[in-house]
Amino acid sequence: MALLKTLQPLITGVGLTRPQASAAGIQIVMKPVPWSKKPAYPRNLPYTNISPHKGQIETRINFGSVAKKHKGEKGFKEGLPIIAWYIKKEVKGYKAPSALRPEDYPSKARRTFHTMSELEAMIKA
């Protein structure tokens, strides 16, 4: 219940910003899901957010370099801000050189950062 009270100001638009909530290890999801009637719900951050694998790092660098290359341009194209349009155009089809095969993703092997037995050991220590 304390967690929900902490998140209430965030959901109503005051309090923690998304980056602040992210630093606290909480992600606010704004898309509807069948099991919830609320417009937003909290969840733990995926651990690749904190420890991305090499392919994710390469993809983030590519994304950032495209945006930086077109920094300062103004206007809209196809309904998108010009930088977003360039990202859409230049990042489409990009595959990181060190990309993992889908079956090798860490989330396939382990759904959370710590297993239940690790958490139990941490609480006893």
N, C-alpha and C. Protein backbone atom coordinates (compact mmCIF):
# COMPACT_ATOMS: atom_id res chain seq x y z
N MET A 1 0.82 -1.19 0.00
CA MET A 1 0.00 0.00 0.00
C MET A 1 0.86 1.26 0.00
N ALA A 2 2.00 1.19 0.68
CA ALA A 2 2.89 2.36 0.72
C ALA A 2 3.40 2.70 -0.67
N LEU A 3 3.67 1.67 -1.48
CA LEU A 3 4.14 1.91 -2.84
C LEU A 3 3.10 2.66 -3.65
N LEU A 4 1.85 2.26 -3.51
CA LEU A 4 0.78 2.93 -4.25
C LEU A 4 0.63 4.38 -3.80
N LYS A 5 0.78 4.63 -2.50
CA LYS A 5 0.70 6.01 -2.01
C LYS A 5 1.86 6.83 -2.56
N THR A 6 3.03 6.21 -2.70
CA THR A 6 4.19 6.90 -3.26
C THR A 6 3.95 7.24 -4.72
N LEU A 7 3.32 6.33 -5.45
CA LEU A 7 3.11 6.53 -6.88
C LEU A 7 1.91 7.41 -7.19
N GLN A 8 1.01 7.60 -6.25
CA GLN A 8 -0.19 8.40 -6.52
C GLN A 8 0.13 9.79 -7.05
N PRO A 9 1.06 10.54 -6.44
CA PRO A 9 1.37 11.86 -6.99
C PRO A 9 1.95 11.77 -8.40
N LEU A 10 2.72 10.72 -8.68
CA LEU A 10 3.32 10.56 -10.00
C LEU A 10 2.24 10.36 -11.05
N ILE A 11 1.27 9.52 -10.74
CA ILE A 11 0.22 9.21 -11.70
C ILE A 11 -0.68 10.41 -11.93
N THR A 12 -0.90 11.21 -10.91
CA THR A 12 -1.78 12.36 -11.07
C THR A 12 -1.07 13.58 -11.65
N GLY A 13 0.24 13.47 -11.88
CA GLY A 13 0.93 14.55 -12.57
C GLY A 13 1.81 15.44 -11.72
N VAL A 14 1.92 15.17 -10.43
CA VAL A 14 2.83 15.94 -9.58
C VAL A 14 3.75 14.96 -8.87
N GLY A 15 4.85 15.44 -8.36
CA GLY A 15 5.76 14.54 -7.64
C GLY A 15 6.91 14.13 -8.51
N LEU A 16 7.24 12.84 -8.49
CA LEU A 16 8.38 12.33 -9.24
C LEU A 16 8.15 12.43 -10.75
N THR A 17 9.19 12.80 -11.45
CA THR A 17 9.13 12.74 -12.91
C THR A 17 9.47 11.31 -13.33
N ARG A 18 9.27 10.99 -14.60
CA ARG A 18 9.61 9.64 -15.06
C ARG A 18 11.07 9.29 -14.82
N PRO A 19 12.03 10.18 -15.13
CA PRO A 19 13.43 9.82 -14.85
C PRO A 19 13.69 9.58 -13.36
N GLN A 20 13.03 10.35 -12.49
CA GLN A 20 13.22 10.14 -11.05
C GLN A 20 12.64 8.79 -10.63
N ALA A 21 11.48 8.44 -11.16
CA ALA A 21 10.89 7.14 -10.84
C ALA A 21 11.77 6.03 -11.38
N SER A 22 12.34 6.25 -12.55
CA SER A 22 13.24 5.27 -13.16
C SER A 22 14.47 5.05 -12.29
N ALA A 23 15.01 6.13 -11.74
CA ALA A 23 16.17 6.01 -10.85
C ALA A 23 15.82 5.23 -9.60
N ALA A 24 14.55 5.27 -9.20
CA ALA A 24 14.09 4.52 -8.04
C ALA A 24 13.79 3.06 -8.39
N GLY A 25 13.94 2.70 -9.67
CA GLY A 25 13.71 1.32 -10.08
C GLY A 25 12.27 1.02 -10.43
N ILE A 26 11.49 2.06 -10.69
CA ILE A 26 10.07 1.87 -11.02
C ILE A 26 9.82 2.41 -12.42
N GLN A 27 9.05 1.68 -13.19
CA GLN A 27 8.67 2.13 -14.52
C GLN A 27 7.15 2.28 -14.52
N ILE A 28 6.68 3.42 -15.01
CA ILE A 28 5.24 3.64 -15.10
C ILE A 28 4.81 3.30 -16.53
N VAL A 29 3.92 2.34 -16.65
CA VAL A 29 3.46 1.88 -17.95
C VAL A 29 2.11 2.53 -18.23
N MET A 30 2.01 3.22 -19.35
CA MET A 30 0.80 3.97 -19.67
C MET A 30 -0.09 3.27 -20.70
N LYS A 31 0.19 2.01 -21.03
CA LYS A 31 -0.66 1.34 -22.01
C LYS A 31 -1.61 0.39 -21.29
N PRO A 32 -2.83 0.29 -21.77
CA PRO A 32 -3.81 -0.55 -21.08
C PRO A 32 -3.49 -2.04 -21.21
N VAL A 33 -3.81 -2.77 -20.18
CA VAL A 33 -3.67 -4.22 -20.19
C VAL A 33 -4.99 -4.82 -19.73
N PRO A 34 -5.29 -6.05 -20.16
CA PRO A 34 -6.60 -6.63 -19.82
C PRO A 34 -6.85 -6.79 -18.33
N TRP A 35 -5.79 -6.99 -17.53
CA TRP A 35 -6.00 -7.27 -16.11
C TRP A 35 -6.14 -6.02 -15.25
N SER A 36 -6.03 -4.83 -15.84
CA SER A 36 -6.11 -3.61 -15.04
C SER A 36 -7.09 -2.62 -15.65
N LYS A 37 -7.85 -1.96 -14.79
CA LYS A 37 -8.79 -0.93 -15.26
C LYS A 37 -8.17 0.46 -15.14
N LYS A 38 -6.96 0.53 -14.64
CA LYS A 38 -6.30 1.82 -14.44
C LYS A 38 -5.56 2.25 -15.71
N PRO A 39 -5.42 3.56 -15.92
CA PRO A 39 -4.73 4.03 -17.13
C PRO A 39 -3.22 3.83 -17.08
N ALA A 40 -2.66 3.64 -15.88
CA ALA A 40 -1.22 3.44 -15.73
C ALA A 40 -0.99 2.48 -14.57
N TYR A 41 0.11 1.74 -14.66
CA TYR A 41 0.46 0.84 -13.56
C TYR A 41 1.98 0.79 -13.42
N PRO A 42 2.48 0.56 -12.20
CA PRO A 42 3.92 0.49 -11.99
C PRO A 42 4.45 -0.91 -12.23
N ARG A 43 5.71 -0.99 -12.65
CA ARG A 43 6.38 -2.29 -12.74
C ARG A 43 7.87 -2.06 -12.53
N ASN A 44 8.58 -3.14 -12.25
CA ASN A 44 10.03 -3.05 -12.11
C ASN A 44 10.66 -2.77 -13.46
N LEU A 45 11.78 -2.08 -13.44
CA LEU A 45 12.53 -1.85 -14.68
C LEU A 45 13.08 -3.17 -15.20
N PRO A 46 13.12 -3.35 -16.51
CA PRO A 46 13.83 -4.52 -17.03
C PRO A 46 15.31 -4.37 -16.69
N TYR A 47 15.96 -5.47 -16.33
CA TYR A 47 17.34 -5.30 -15.88
C TYR A 47 18.28 -4.93 -17.02
N THR A 48 17.87 -5.10 -18.28
CA THR A 48 18.71 -4.63 -19.38
C THR A 48 18.71 -3.11 -19.47
N ASN A 49 17.80 -2.46 -18.75
CA ASN A 49 17.82 -1.01 -18.67
C ASN A 49 19.05 -0.54 -17.89
N ILE A 50 19.41 -1.30 -16.89
CA ILE A 50 20.56 -0.98 -16.05
C ILE A 50 21.84 -1.58 -16.62
N SER A 51 21.75 -2.81 -17.12
CA SER A 51 22.91 -3.52 -17.68
C SER A 51 22.59 -3.99 -19.09
N PRO A 52 22.60 -3.09 -20.07
CA PRO A 52 22.27 -3.51 -21.43
C PRO A 52 23.37 -4.41 -22.01
N HIS A 53 22.97 -5.32 -22.90
CA HIS A 53 24.00 -6.14 -23.55
C HIS A 53 24.59 -5.35 -24.72
N LYS A 54 25.65 -5.88 -25.30
CA LYS A 54 26.45 -5.13 -26.28
C LYS A 54 25.62 -4.65 -27.48
N GLY A 55 24.74 -5.50 -27.99
CA GLY A 55 23.91 -5.12 -29.14
C GLY A 55 22.99 -3.95 -28.81
N GLN A 56 22.44 -3.92 -27.59
CA GLN A 56 21.58 -2.81 -27.19
C GLN A 56 22.38 -1.52 -27.09
N ILE A 57 23.59 -1.61 -26.60
CA ILE A 57 24.44 -0.41 -26.50
C ILE A 57 24.73 0.12 -27.90
N GLU A 58 25.07 -0.77 -28.83
CA GLU A 58 25.36 -0.35 -30.21
C GLU A 58 24.14 0.31 -30.85
N THR A 59 22.97 -0.24 -30.60
CA THR A 59 21.74 0.34 -31.16
C THR A 59 21.47 1.72 -30.57
N ARG A 60 21.67 1.88 -29.27
CA ARG A 60 21.47 3.19 -28.64
C ARG A 60 22.46 4.22 -29.17
N ILE A 61 23.69 3.79 -29.41
CA ILE A 61 24.70 4.70 -29.97
C ILE A 61 24.30 5.11 -31.38
N ASN A 62 23.83 4.16 -32.19
CA ASN A 62 23.39 4.47 -33.55
C ASN A 62 22.24 5.46 -33.53
N PHE A 63 21.26 5.22 -32.67
CA PHE A 63 20.11 6.11 -32.54
C PHE A 63 20.57 7.53 -32.18
N GLY A 64 21.45 7.62 -31.19
CA GLY A 64 21.95 8.92 -30.75
C GLY A 64 22.78 9.62 -31.81
N SER A 65 23.57 8.87 -32.57
CA SER A 65 24.40 9.50 -33.61
C SER A 65 23.55 10.05 -34.75
N VAL A 66 22.46 9.36 -35.09
CA VAL A 66 21.55 9.87 -36.13
C VAL A 66 20.91 11.17 -35.64
N ALA A 67 20.44 11.18 -34.40
CA ALA A 67 19.81 12.38 -33.85
C ALA A 67 20.81 13.53 -33.77
N LYS A 68 22.03 13.24 -33.36
CA LYS A 68 23.05 14.29 -33.22
C LYS A 68 23.44 14.86 -34.59
N LYS A 69 23.49 14.00 -35.61
CA LYS A 69 23.86 14.43 -36.96
C LYS A 69 22.89 15.48 -37.50
N HIS A 70 21.63 15.38 -37.12
CA HIS A 70 20.60 16.29 -37.63
C HIS A 70 20.18 17.34 -36.61
N LYS A 71 20.96 17.49 -35.54
CA LYS A 71 20.64 18.45 -34.49
C LYS A 71 20.51 19.86 -35.08
N GLY A 72 19.51 20.58 -34.63
CA GLY A 72 19.31 21.96 -35.06
C GLY A 72 18.37 22.13 -36.24
N GLU A 73 18.07 21.04 -36.94
CA GLU A 73 17.14 21.16 -38.07
C GLU A 73 15.74 21.35 -37.52
N LYS A 74 14.94 22.08 -38.25
CA LYS A 74 13.59 22.40 -37.78
C LYS A 74 12.57 22.00 -38.83
N GLY A 75 11.34 21.84 -38.38
CA GLY A 75 10.24 21.55 -39.29
C GLY A 75 9.66 20.16 -39.06
N PHE A 76 8.73 19.82 -39.94
CA PHE A 76 8.03 18.54 -39.87
C PHE A 76 8.07 17.88 -41.23
N LYS A 77 8.06 16.56 -41.24
CA LYS A 77 7.99 15.80 -42.48
C LYS A 77 7.12 14.58 -42.21
N GLU A 78 6.13 14.36 -43.04
CA GLU A 78 5.19 13.25 -42.87
C GLU A 78 4.55 13.25 -41.48
N GLY A 79 4.30 14.43 -40.94
CA GLY A 79 3.64 14.54 -39.65
C GLY A 79 4.56 14.36 -38.45
N LEU A 80 5.84 14.12 -38.68
CA LEU A 80 6.79 13.92 -37.59
C LEU A 80 7.74 15.11 -37.48
N PRO A 81 8.22 15.41 -36.28
CA PRO A 81 9.30 16.39 -36.19
C PRO A 81 10.47 15.89 -37.04
N ILE A 82 11.20 16.80 -37.65
CA ILE A 82 12.22 16.43 -38.64
C ILE A 82 13.25 15.44 -38.10
N ILE A 83 13.66 15.60 -36.84
CA ILE A 83 14.65 14.67 -36.26
C ILE A 83 14.05 13.27 -36.16
N ALA A 84 12.81 13.18 -35.71
CA ALA A 84 12.14 11.88 -35.61
C ALA A 84 12.01 11.24 -36.99
N TRP A 85 11.76 12.06 -38.02
CA TRP A 85 11.64 11.53 -39.38
C TRP A 85 12.98 10.95 -39.85
N TYR A 86 14.08 11.66 -39.56
CA TYR A 86 15.40 11.15 -39.94
C TYR A 86 15.72 9.86 -39.19
N ILE A 87 15.37 9.81 -37.92
CA ILE A 87 15.60 8.59 -37.14
C ILE A 87 14.80 7.44 -37.74
N LYS A 88 13.54 7.70 -38.06
CA LYS A 88 12.69 6.67 -38.66
C LYS A 88 13.32 6.16 -39.96
N LYS A 89 13.81 7.09 -40.78
CA LYS A 89 14.36 6.75 -42.09
C LYS A 89 15.71 6.02 -41.98
N GLU A 90 16.60 6.53 -41.14
CA GLU A 90 17.97 6.01 -41.09
C GLU A 90 18.16 4.82 -40.15
N VAL A 91 17.31 4.68 -39.15
CA VAL A 91 17.46 3.58 -38.21
C VAL A 91 16.68 2.34 -38.68
N LYS A 92 15.74 2.55 -39.59
CA LYS A 92 14.92 1.43 -40.09
C LYS A 92 15.82 0.34 -40.68
N GLY A 93 15.64 -0.86 -40.19
CA GLY A 93 16.41 -2.00 -40.70
C GLY A 93 17.79 -2.15 -40.08
N TYR A 94 18.17 -1.25 -39.16
CA TYR A 94 19.50 -1.35 -38.53
C TYR A 94 19.58 -2.60 -37.68
N LYS A 95 20.67 -3.32 -37.81
CA LYS A 95 20.92 -4.48 -36.96
C LYS A 95 22.30 -4.31 -36.35
N ALA A 96 22.36 -4.32 -35.06
CA ALA A 96 23.63 -4.14 -34.35
C ALA A 96 24.57 -5.29 -34.69
N PRO A 97 25.86 -4.99 -34.90
CA PRO A 97 26.82 -6.05 -35.21
C PRO A 97 26.88 -7.14 -34.14
N SER A 98 26.69 -6.77 -32.90
CA SER A 98 26.77 -7.75 -31.80
C SER A 98 25.40 -8.16 -31.28
N ALA A 99 24.37 -8.04 -32.11
CA ALA A 99 23.01 -8.37 -31.67
C ALA A 99 22.92 -9.85 -31.28
N LEU A 100 22.19 -10.11 -30.23
CA LEU A 100 21.97 -11.48 -29.79
C LEU A 100 20.85 -12.12 -30.60
N ARG A 101 20.92 -13.43 -30.72
CA ARG A 101 19.79 -14.15 -31.32
C ARG A 101 18.63 -14.06 -30.33
N PRO A 102 17.38 -14.05 -30.81
CA PRO A 102 16.24 -13.91 -29.88
C PRO A 102 16.25 -14.92 -28.74
N GLU A 103 16.67 -16.14 -29.00
CA GLU A 103 16.66 -17.15 -27.93
C GLU A 103 17.79 -16.95 -26.91
N ASP A 104 18.77 -16.10 -27.23
CA ASP A 104 19.88 -15.84 -26.31
C ASP A 104 19.67 -14.62 -25.42
N TYR A 105 18.55 -13.93 -25.57
CA TYR A 105 18.31 -12.73 -24.76
C TYR A 105 18.30 -13.09 -23.29
N PRO A 106 18.90 -12.25 -22.45
CA PRO A 106 18.93 -12.53 -21.01
C PRO A 106 17.53 -12.71 -20.42
N SER A 107 16.55 -11.98 -20.93
CA SER A 107 15.19 -12.09 -20.39
C SER A 107 14.57 -13.45 -20.69
N LYS A 108 15.08 -14.16 -21.69
CA LYS A 108 14.58 -15.51 -21.97
C LYS A 108 15.12 -16.49 -20.93
N ALA A 109 16.36 -16.26 -20.50
CA ALA A 109 16.97 -17.13 -19.51
C ALA A 109 16.51 -16.78 -18.10
N ARG A 110 16.32 -15.47 -17.85
CA ARG A 110 15.97 -14.97 -16.52
C ARG A 110 15.03 -13.81 -16.65
N ARG A 111 13.87 -13.91 -16.06
CA ARG A 111 12.87 -12.87 -16.23
C ARG A 111 13.14 -11.63 -15.38
N THR A 112 13.77 -11.81 -14.23
CA THR A 112 14.03 -10.68 -13.34
C THR A 112 15.52 -10.59 -13.02
N PHE A 113 15.91 -9.49 -12.42
CA PHE A 113 17.32 -9.28 -12.08
C PHE A 113 17.78 -10.27 -11.02
N HIS A 114 16.95 -10.51 -10.01
CA HIS A 114 17.27 -11.47 -8.95
C HIS A 114 16.21 -12.56 -8.93
N THR A 115 16.64 -13.80 -8.72
CA THR A 115 15.68 -14.89 -8.57
C THR A 115 15.12 -14.84 -7.15
N MET A 116 14.06 -15.59 -6.93
CA MET A 116 13.43 -15.60 -5.61
C MET A 116 14.40 -16.12 -4.55
N SER A 117 15.16 -17.17 -4.88
CA SER A 117 16.12 -17.70 -3.91
C SER A 117 17.21 -16.68 -3.58
N GLU A 118 17.65 -15.90 -4.56
CA GLU A 118 18.63 -14.84 -4.29
C GLU A 118 18.05 -13.77 -3.38
N LEU A 119 16.80 -13.40 -3.61
CA LEU A 119 16.15 -12.41 -2.76
C LEU A 119 16.01 -12.91 -1.33
N GLU A 120 15.64 -14.20 -1.18
CA GLU A 120 15.52 -14.78 0.15
C GLU A 120 16.87 -14.78 0.87
N ALA A 121 17.94 -15.09 0.13
CA ALA A 121 19.28 -15.07 0.72
C ALA A 121 19.68 -13.66 1.13
N MET A 122 19.29 -12.67 0.33
CA MET A 122 19.61 -11.28 0.64
C MET A 122 18.91 -10.82 1.91
N ILE A 123 17.67 -11.25 2.10
CA ILE A 123 16.90 -10.81 3.27
C ILE A 123 17.45 -11.46 4.55
N LYS A 124 18.00 -12.67 4.42
CA LYS A 124 18.56 -13.37 5.59
C LYS A 124 19.93 -12.82 5.97
N ALA A 125 20.62 -12.26 5.02
CA ALA A 125 21.99 -11.78 5.28
C ALA A 125 22.01 -10.50 6.10
